[in-house]
Amino acid sequence: MASLDRVKLLVLGDSGVGKSSLVHLLCQNQVLGNPSWTVGCSVDVRIHDYKEGTPEEKTYYIELWDVGGSVGSASSAKSTRAVFYNSVNGIILVHDLTNKKSSQNLYRWSLEALNKDSSPTGVIVTNGDYDREQFAENPLPLLVIGTKFDLIPENKRNDVLTRTAFLSEDFNAEEINLDCTNPRYLAAGSSNAVKLSRFFDKVIEKRYFTKDASQMTGFSERKRFNLKSLHYD
């Protein structure tokens, strides 16, 4: 196969939310039988057809960088993670739908990755307001994925999905909710598969077909927001 152009995506989220299972499902189209903790970073590759079915169709490599660790880890670990945050073209933020804290921590993960010069230990507040426009200005495409959908009790699903809809709105990103142990959630032609393909297309578009794409490695300045507006009860 001829050498393909590629894009780099970070896969971020708390330990235990299922990032490794998700990456394995995305890249191998198989369920990961015995997931283990990721130490450092694990990289897998998916082949994607950009603008599939159109005259502009072209095949790319999608590199998925599964970064291990937790928001509350030592500063030395954060400094180690920072080396993985260079030359990034997009970010997949992963949270456990049954763990509200993992959803809240996505804000801290995004800050750490997008402000890699200064890894935060908490959320920065200014005037008590959350600046939602920061993600509208962010040139890096974001996708929010909720895992363990199958573990949400039927009588609580509407409440959980309403809450996570606010989360994706805050990030100005589409959301996908799934069960990483069931490939049907990403079956060809499904709404999730369409969203995923659209996200990959957007990342490629930004990287290869947008002027000054080389500058899109994070925010140009530190943005500030407040957990008060996270819509969590």
Protein backbone atom coordinates (compact mmCIF):
# COMPACT_ATOMS: atom_id res chain seq x y z
CA MET A 1 0.00 0.00 0.00
CA ALA A 2 1.27 3.45 -0.86
CA SER A 3 2.19 5.75 1.99
CA LEU A 4 -0.90 7.51 3.33
CA ASP A 5 -1.28 10.94 4.87
CA ARG A 6 -2.26 10.80 8.51
CA VAL A 7 -3.82 12.77 11.33
CA LYS A 8 -3.21 12.49 15.06
CA LEU A 9 -6.09 12.28 17.56
CA LEU A 10 -5.78 12.29 21.32
CA VAL A 11 -8.11 9.99 23.26
CA LEU A 12 -8.47 11.52 26.73
CA GLY A 13 -10.45 10.73 29.86
CA ASP A 14 -10.19 9.29 33.35
CA SER A 15 -8.70 5.87 34.00
CA GLY A 16 -11.34 3.16 33.81
CA VAL A 17 -13.77 4.89 31.45
CA GLY A 18 -12.96 2.44 28.64
CA LYS A 19 -10.59 4.37 26.37
CA SER A 20 -8.55 1.30 25.42
CA SER A 21 -11.69 -0.71 24.69
CA LEU A 22 -13.00 2.13 22.56
CA VAL A 23 -9.78 2.50 20.56
CA HIS A 24 -9.62 -1.25 19.97
CA LEU A 25 -13.21 -1.26 18.75
CA LEU A 26 -12.58 1.72 16.45
CA CYS A 27 -9.38 0.33 14.95
CA GLN A 28 -9.93 -3.43 14.95
CA ASN A 29 -13.73 -3.56 14.82
CA GLN A 30 -13.52 -6.08 17.63
CA VAL A 31 -14.29 -6.12 21.33
CA LEU A 32 -11.20 -5.98 23.55
CA GLY A 33 -11.35 -9.17 25.59
CA ASN A 34 -9.06 -8.30 28.51
CA PRO A 35 -8.55 -4.56 28.79
CA SER A 36 -5.73 -3.39 31.04
CA TRP A 37 -4.56 -0.05 32.41
CA THR A 38 -2.68 2.07 29.90
CA VAL A 39 0.74 3.19 31.10
CA GLY A 40 2.04 6.21 29.25
CA CYS A 41 0.38 6.10 25.86
CA SER A 42 -0.82 3.43 23.45
CA VAL A 43 -1.20 4.18 19.74
CA ASP A 44 -3.42 2.35 17.27
CA VAL A 45 -4.34 3.18 13.68
CA ARG A 46 -7.61 3.21 11.77
CA ILE A 47 -7.92 3.58 8.00
CA HIS A 48 -10.53 6.14 6.99
CA ASP A 49 -11.92 7.14 3.59
CA TYR A 50 -12.29 10.91 3.57
CA LYS A 51 -15.50 12.06 1.84
CA GLU A 52 -16.33 8.47 0.97
CA GLY A 53 -18.45 8.06 -2.15
CA THR A 54 -17.55 11.45 -3.61
CA PRO A 55 -15.02 12.48 -6.29
CA GLU A 56 -12.84 13.89 -3.45
CA GLU A 57 -12.58 10.52 -1.69
CA LYS A 58 -9.11 9.78 -0.35
CA THR A 59 -7.76 7.30 2.19
CA TYR A 60 -6.01 8.48 5.36
CA TYR A 61 -4.50 6.97 8.49
CA ILE A 62 -6.20 8.03 11.73
CA GLU A 63 -3.72 7.69 14.61
CA LEU A 64 -5.50 7.28 17.95
CA TRP A 65 -3.28 8.14 20.91
CA ASP A 66 -4.79 6.60 24.05
CA VAL A 67 -3.23 8.58 26.90
CA GLY A 68 -3.19 6.93 30.32
CA GLY A 69 -3.32 8.60 33.71
CA SER A 70 -5.77 10.60 35.77
CA VAL A 71 -6.46 14.27 36.35
CA GLY A 72 -5.41 14.05 39.96
CA SER A 73 -2.02 12.44 39.29
CA ALA A 74 1.31 13.99 40.22
CA SER A 75 2.71 16.92 38.28
CA SER A 76 5.57 14.72 37.05
CA ALA A 77 3.04 12.41 35.38
CA LYS A 78 1.33 15.40 33.79
CA SER A 79 4.67 16.59 32.46
CA THR A 80 5.20 13.14 30.96
CA ARG A 81 1.79 13.23 29.30
CA ALA A 82 2.56 16.64 27.82
CA VAL A 83 4.95 15.08 25.30
CA PHE A 84 1.96 13.32 23.71
CA TYR A 85 0.10 16.60 23.19
CA ASN A 86 2.28 17.94 20.38
CA SER A 87 1.08 18.28 16.78
CA VAL A 88 -2.45 17.17 17.58
CA ASN A 89 -5.19 17.45 14.95
CA GLY A 90 -8.23 16.56 17.07
CA ILE A 91 -9.37 15.25 20.45
CA ILE A 92 -11.81 12.52 21.50
CA LEU A 93 -12.99 13.10 25.07
CA VAL A 94 -14.21 9.89 26.72
CA HIS A 95 -16.34 9.60 29.84
CA ASP A 96 -18.24 6.86 31.67
CA LEU A 97 -21.99 7.54 31.48
CA THR A 98 -22.45 5.89 34.88
CA ASN A 99 -19.76 8.05 36.50
CA LYS A 100 -20.69 11.74 36.68
CA LYS A 101 -17.23 12.71 37.95
CA SER A 102 -15.59 11.34 34.81
CA SER A 103 -17.85 13.64 32.79
CA GLN A 104 -16.90 16.68 34.85
CA ASN A 105 -13.22 15.85 34.53
CA LEU A 106 -13.36 16.18 30.74
CA TYR A 107 -13.06 19.94 31.25
CA ARG A 108 -9.79 19.45 33.10
CA TRP A 109 -8.50 16.99 30.52
CA SER A 110 -9.19 19.46 27.74
CA LEU A 111 -7.41 22.22 29.64
CA GLU A 112 -4.39 20.02 30.21
CA ALA A 113 -4.11 19.09 26.54
CA LEU A 114 -4.87 22.48 25.06
CA ASN A 115 -2.74 24.42 27.53
CA LYS A 116 0.14 21.97 27.57
CA ASP A 117 2.55 24.64 28.76
CA SER A 118 0.77 24.67 32.13
CA SER A 119 -1.00 21.50 33.21
CA PRO A 120 -3.80 22.49 35.60
CA THR A 121 -4.58 20.83 38.91
CA GLY A 122 -8.05 22.30 39.00
CA VAL A 123 -10.52 24.46 37.17
CA ILE A 124 -9.72 28.13 36.65
CA VAL A 125 -12.47 30.62 37.44
CA THR A 126 -12.88 34.18 36.22
CA ASN A 127 -15.78 36.38 37.32
CA GLY A 128 -17.78 33.25 38.13
CA ASP A 129 -18.61 32.67 34.48
CA TYR A 130 -17.98 29.79 32.11
CA ASP A 131 -16.78 31.02 28.72
CA ARG A 132 -18.54 28.63 26.36
CA GLU A 133 -17.22 30.59 23.38
CA GLN A 134 -13.75 29.22 24.06
CA PHE A 135 -14.63 25.98 22.31
CA ALA A 136 -16.33 27.77 19.45
CA GLU A 137 -12.99 29.51 18.90
CA ASN A 138 -10.97 26.33 19.33
CA PRO A 139 -9.70 25.19 15.90
CA LEU A 140 -9.17 21.59 17.04
CA PRO A 141 -12.21 19.38 16.32
CA LEU A 142 -13.61 17.70 19.44
CA LEU A 143 -15.81 14.63 19.85
CA VAL A 144 -17.39 13.54 23.14
CA ILE A 145 -17.96 9.80 23.60
CA GLY A 146 -19.88 8.32 26.52
CA THR A 147 -19.20 4.66 27.33
CA LYS A 148 -21.04 1.94 29.29
CA PHE A 149 -24.41 2.98 27.90
CA ASP A 150 -25.66 -0.54 28.57
CA LEU A 151 -25.12 -0.09 32.32
CA ILE A 152 -27.52 2.84 32.66
CA PRO A 153 -30.87 1.71 34.12
CA GLU A 154 -33.72 2.21 31.66
CA ASN A 155 -35.54 4.58 34.02
CA LYS A 156 -32.49 6.87 34.25
CA ARG A 157 -31.40 7.02 30.62
CA ASN A 158 -33.34 10.14 29.70
CA ASP A 159 -31.86 12.07 32.62
CA VAL A 160 -28.32 10.91 31.85
CA LEU A 161 -28.59 11.69 28.14
CA THR A 162 -30.04 15.12 28.85
CA ARG A 163 -27.10 15.85 31.13
CA THR A 164 -24.51 14.68 28.61
CA ALA A 165 -26.16 16.70 25.85
CA PHE A 166 -25.24 19.83 27.83
CA LEU A 167 -21.69 18.50 28.06
CA SER A 168 -21.26 18.20 24.30
CA GLU A 169 -22.93 21.60 23.87
CA ASP A 170 -20.34 23.17 26.17
CA PHE A 171 -17.55 21.66 24.06
CA ASN A 172 -19.25 22.65 20.80
CA ALA A 173 -18.89 18.99 19.81
CA GLU A 174 -21.03 16.10 18.66
CA GLU A 175 -21.55 13.23 21.06
CA ILE A 176 -21.69 9.48 20.69
CA ASN A 177 -22.96 7.16 23.44
CA LEU A 178 -22.21 3.47 23.21
CA ASP A 179 -21.29 0.16 24.77
CA CYS A 180 -17.70 -0.75 23.83
CA THR A 181 -18.52 -4.47 24.23
CA ASN A 182 -21.10 -4.33 21.44
CA PRO A 183 -19.90 -3.48 17.89
CA ARG A 184 -23.47 -2.81 16.73
CA TYR A 185 -23.28 0.67 18.27
CA LEU A 186 -20.85 1.59 15.48
CA ALA A 187 -22.41 -0.53 12.73
CA ALA A 188 -22.05 0.86 9.20
CA GLY A 189 -24.87 3.25 8.41
CA SER A 190 -25.84 3.83 12.04
CA SER A 191 -26.12 7.37 13.37
CA ASN A 192 -23.03 6.82 15.52
CA ALA A 193 -21.00 5.63 12.53
CA VAL A 194 -22.11 8.67 10.54
CA LYS A 195 -21.11 11.03 13.37
CA LEU A 196 -17.74 9.32 13.69
CA SER A 197 -17.05 9.52 9.96
CA ARG A 198 -18.11 13.17 9.93
CA PHE A 199 -15.72 13.89 12.81
CA PHE A 200 -12.80 12.20 11.04
CA ASP A 201 -13.61 14.14 7.87
CA LYS A 202 -13.59 17.38 9.86
CA VAL A 203 -10.20 16.59 11.37
CA ILE A 204 -8.73 15.82 7.95
CA GLU A 205 -10.35 18.94 6.48
CA LYS A 206 -8.77 21.10 9.18
CA ARG A 207 -5.38 19.46 8.81
CA TYR A 208 -5.01 19.31 5.05
CA PHE A 209 -7.50 21.71 3.50
CA THR A 210 -7.51 24.74 5.82
CA LYS A 211 -5.05 27.62 5.61
CA ASP A 212 -2.53 27.83 8.45
CA ALA A 213 -3.45 24.33 9.61
CA SER A 214 0.03 24.00 11.05
CA GLN A 215 -0.92 26.57 13.69
CA MET A 216 -3.80 24.50 15.04
CA THR A 217 -2.08 22.87 17.97
CA GLY A 218 -4.11 24.42 20.79
CA PHE A 219 -5.41 27.68 22.15
CA SER A 220 -3.36 30.78 21.47
CA GLU A 221 -4.01 31.93 25.03
CA ARG A 222 -5.30 30.41 28.26
CA LYS A 223 -9.09 30.30 28.50
CA ARG A 224 -10.96 30.22 31.77
CA PHE A 225 -14.20 28.70 32.92
CA ASN A 226 -16.14 27.63 35.94
CA LEU A 227 -17.57 24.26 36.96
CA LYS A 228 -20.75 26.03 38.14
CA SER A 229 -22.19 25.85 34.66
CA LEU A 230 -21.57 22.17 34.03
CA HIS A 231 -25.27 21.42 34.44
CA TYR A 232 -24.62 18.67 37.00
CA ASP A 233 -26.96 18.35 39.95
